[in-house]
């Protein structure tokens, strides 16, 4: 089964044995473009604020709205800006944790160090991606 230029079954099976640390670097490489990360930060912030508001206001539909909006922005970033497949297809729980970690590090001003450790130089949104990567 092919999805956006990748063999989905092979990708899912090969990633099942990774550690979260290895996945984290893979996740960051899948978010190399600043535009993709910005859309994730916005979407994740909307989702978190919606969950908190849903709890405070006793409005469970806000959770659904926040999650849909959050994933909408994130997936738009993958398909339009990054031109890749969201990582959550292979590892939904690790992707969720990695997204929260990436957003927290961005707010804390420490994401640059993690991006450098994953081998990511600032890539303009219009630049071509190098398809051959060593994972």
Protein backbone atom coordinates (compact mmCIF):
# COMPACT_ATOMS: atom_id res chain seq x y z
CA UNK A 1 0.00 0.00 0.00
CA UNK A 2 1.46 3.33 -1.04
CA UNK A 3 0.64 6.67 0.52
CA UNK A 4 2.30 9.92 -0.55
CA UNK A 5 5.39 8.28 -1.95
CA UNK A 6 6.04 5.78 0.83
CA UNK A 7 5.30 2.14 1.47
CA UNK A 8 2.96 2.47 4.45
CA UNK A 9 3.15 -1.15 5.59
CA UNK A 10 6.97 -1.23 5.46
CA UNK A 11 7.22 2.13 7.23
CA UNK A 12 4.85 1.07 10.01
CA UNK A 13 6.55 -2.29 10.56
CA UNK A 14 10.08 -0.87 10.49
CA UNK A 15 9.23 1.77 13.07
CA UNK A 16 7.63 -0.58 15.60
CA UNK A 17 10.99 -1.47 17.15
CA UNK A 18 12.37 2.07 17.48
CA UNK A 19 12.91 3.74 20.83
CA UNK A 20 11.14 7.02 21.53
CA UNK A 21 14.50 8.84 21.32
CA UNK A 22 15.09 7.50 17.80
CA UNK A 23 11.50 8.34 16.89
CA UNK A 24 11.94 11.85 18.32
CA UNK A 25 14.76 12.63 15.88
CA UNK A 26 12.76 11.12 13.03
CA UNK A 27 9.77 13.24 14.11
CA UNK A 28 11.86 16.41 14.08
CA UNK A 29 13.21 15.60 10.62
CA UNK A 30 9.60 15.20 9.43
CA UNK A 31 9.04 18.76 10.71
CA UNK A 32 12.15 20.35 9.18
CA UNK A 33 10.43 23.35 7.63
CA UNK A 34 9.60 26.31 9.89
CA UNK A 35 6.13 26.63 8.32
CA UNK A 36 5.23 23.06 9.25
CA UNK A 37 6.36 23.59 12.82
CA UNK A 38 4.47 26.90 13.05
CA UNK A 39 1.25 25.21 11.93
CA UNK A 40 1.85 22.48 14.52
CA UNK A 41 2.50 25.02 17.29
CA UNK A 42 -0.69 26.89 16.44
CA UNK A 43 -2.79 23.74 16.13
CA UNK A 44 -1.42 22.20 19.32
CA UNK A 45 -1.95 25.43 21.25
CA UNK A 46 -5.56 25.64 20.04
CA UNK A 47 -6.12 21.98 21.00
CA UNK A 48 -4.64 22.37 24.50
CA UNK A 49 -6.55 25.60 25.18
CA UNK A 50 -9.75 23.92 23.93
CA UNK A 51 -9.29 20.97 26.26
CA UNK A 52 -8.69 23.28 29.23
CA UNK A 53 -11.71 25.41 28.27
CA UNK A 54 -13.85 22.28 27.87
CA UNK A 55 -12.96 21.19 31.39
CA UNK A 56 -13.47 24.63 32.95
CA UNK A 57 -16.70 25.35 31.08
CA UNK A 58 -18.04 21.77 31.09
CA UNK A 59 -18.30 21.85 27.28
CA UNK A 60 -17.07 18.49 25.95
CA UNK A 61 -17.65 19.54 22.33
CA UNK A 62 -14.77 22.00 22.72
CA UNK A 63 -12.44 19.00 23.00
CA UNK A 64 -13.62 17.67 19.66
CA UNK A 65 -13.39 21.10 18.05
CA UNK A 66 -9.89 21.67 19.42
CA UNK A 67 -8.62 18.28 18.28
CA UNK A 68 -10.09 18.70 14.78
CA UNK A 69 -8.66 22.20 14.43
CA UNK A 70 -5.30 21.12 15.83
CA UNK A 71 -4.95 18.13 13.52
CA UNK A 72 -6.28 20.18 10.61
CA UNK A 73 -3.45 22.70 10.91
CA UNK A 74 -0.85 19.98 11.49
CA UNK A 75 -1.94 17.85 8.53
CA UNK A 76 -2.13 20.91 6.28
CA UNK A 77 1.49 21.57 7.22
CA UNK A 78 2.51 18.05 6.26
CA UNK A 79 0.64 17.80 2.98
CA UNK A 80 1.15 21.37 1.71
CA UNK A 81 4.32 22.74 3.35
CA UNK A 82 6.47 19.71 4.23
CA UNK A 83 5.00 17.48 1.49
CA UNK A 84 5.23 14.35 3.60
CA UNK A 85 2.99 12.01 5.55
CA UNK A 86 2.16 12.75 9.21
CA UNK A 87 4.19 10.61 11.64
CA UNK A 88 1.08 9.66 13.59
CA UNK A 89 0.19 7.04 10.98
CA UNK A 90 3.03 4.81 12.19
CA UNK A 91 3.15 5.82 15.88
CA UNK A 92 0.02 7.68 17.04
CA UNK A 93 0.94 7.83 20.74
CA UNK A 94 4.60 8.70 20.20
CA UNK A 95 3.56 11.35 17.66
CA UNK A 96 1.20 12.92 20.17
CA UNK A 97 3.93 12.95 22.84
CA UNK A 98 6.50 14.28 20.36
CA UNK A 99 4.15 17.05 19.23
CA UNK A 100 3.59 18.17 22.82
CA UNK A 101 7.35 18.00 23.48
CA UNK A 102 8.17 19.97 20.31
CA UNK A 103 5.61 22.64 21.18
CA UNK A 104 6.80 22.89 24.79
CA UNK A 105 10.44 23.20 23.70
CA UNK A 106 9.47 25.91 21.22
CA UNK A 107 7.66 27.91 23.93
CA UNK A 108 10.65 27.39 26.26
CA UNK A 109 13.07 28.60 23.57
CA UNK A 110 14.99 25.30 23.54
CA UNK A 111 13.79 23.71 20.29
CA UNK A 112 16.80 24.91 18.28
CA UNK A 113 19.16 22.67 20.26
CA UNK A 114 16.97 19.62 19.59
CA UNK A 115 16.70 20.45 15.89
CA UNK A 116 20.49 20.72 15.65
CA UNK A 117 20.91 17.38 17.46
CA UNK A 118 18.57 15.81 14.88
CA UNK A 119 20.71 17.24 12.07
CA UNK A 120 18.21 19.87 10.96
CA UNK A 121 19.48 23.17 9.65
CA UNK A 122 16.89 25.88 9.11
CA UNK A 123 15.20 24.93 5.84
CA UNK A 124 13.20 27.62 4.04
CA UNK A 125 9.64 26.54 3.34
CA UNK A 126 10.19 26.66 -0.44
CA UNK A 127 13.43 24.64 -0.45
CA UNK A 128 13.55 21.13 -1.89
CA UNK A 129 13.75 18.28 0.63
CA UNK A 130 16.62 15.83 0.39
CA UNK A 131 14.86 12.47 0.12
CA UNK A 132 17.87 10.35 1.05
CA UNK A 133 18.32 10.49 4.82
CA UNK A 134 20.30 8.32 7.15
CA UNK A 135 18.03 7.30 10.02
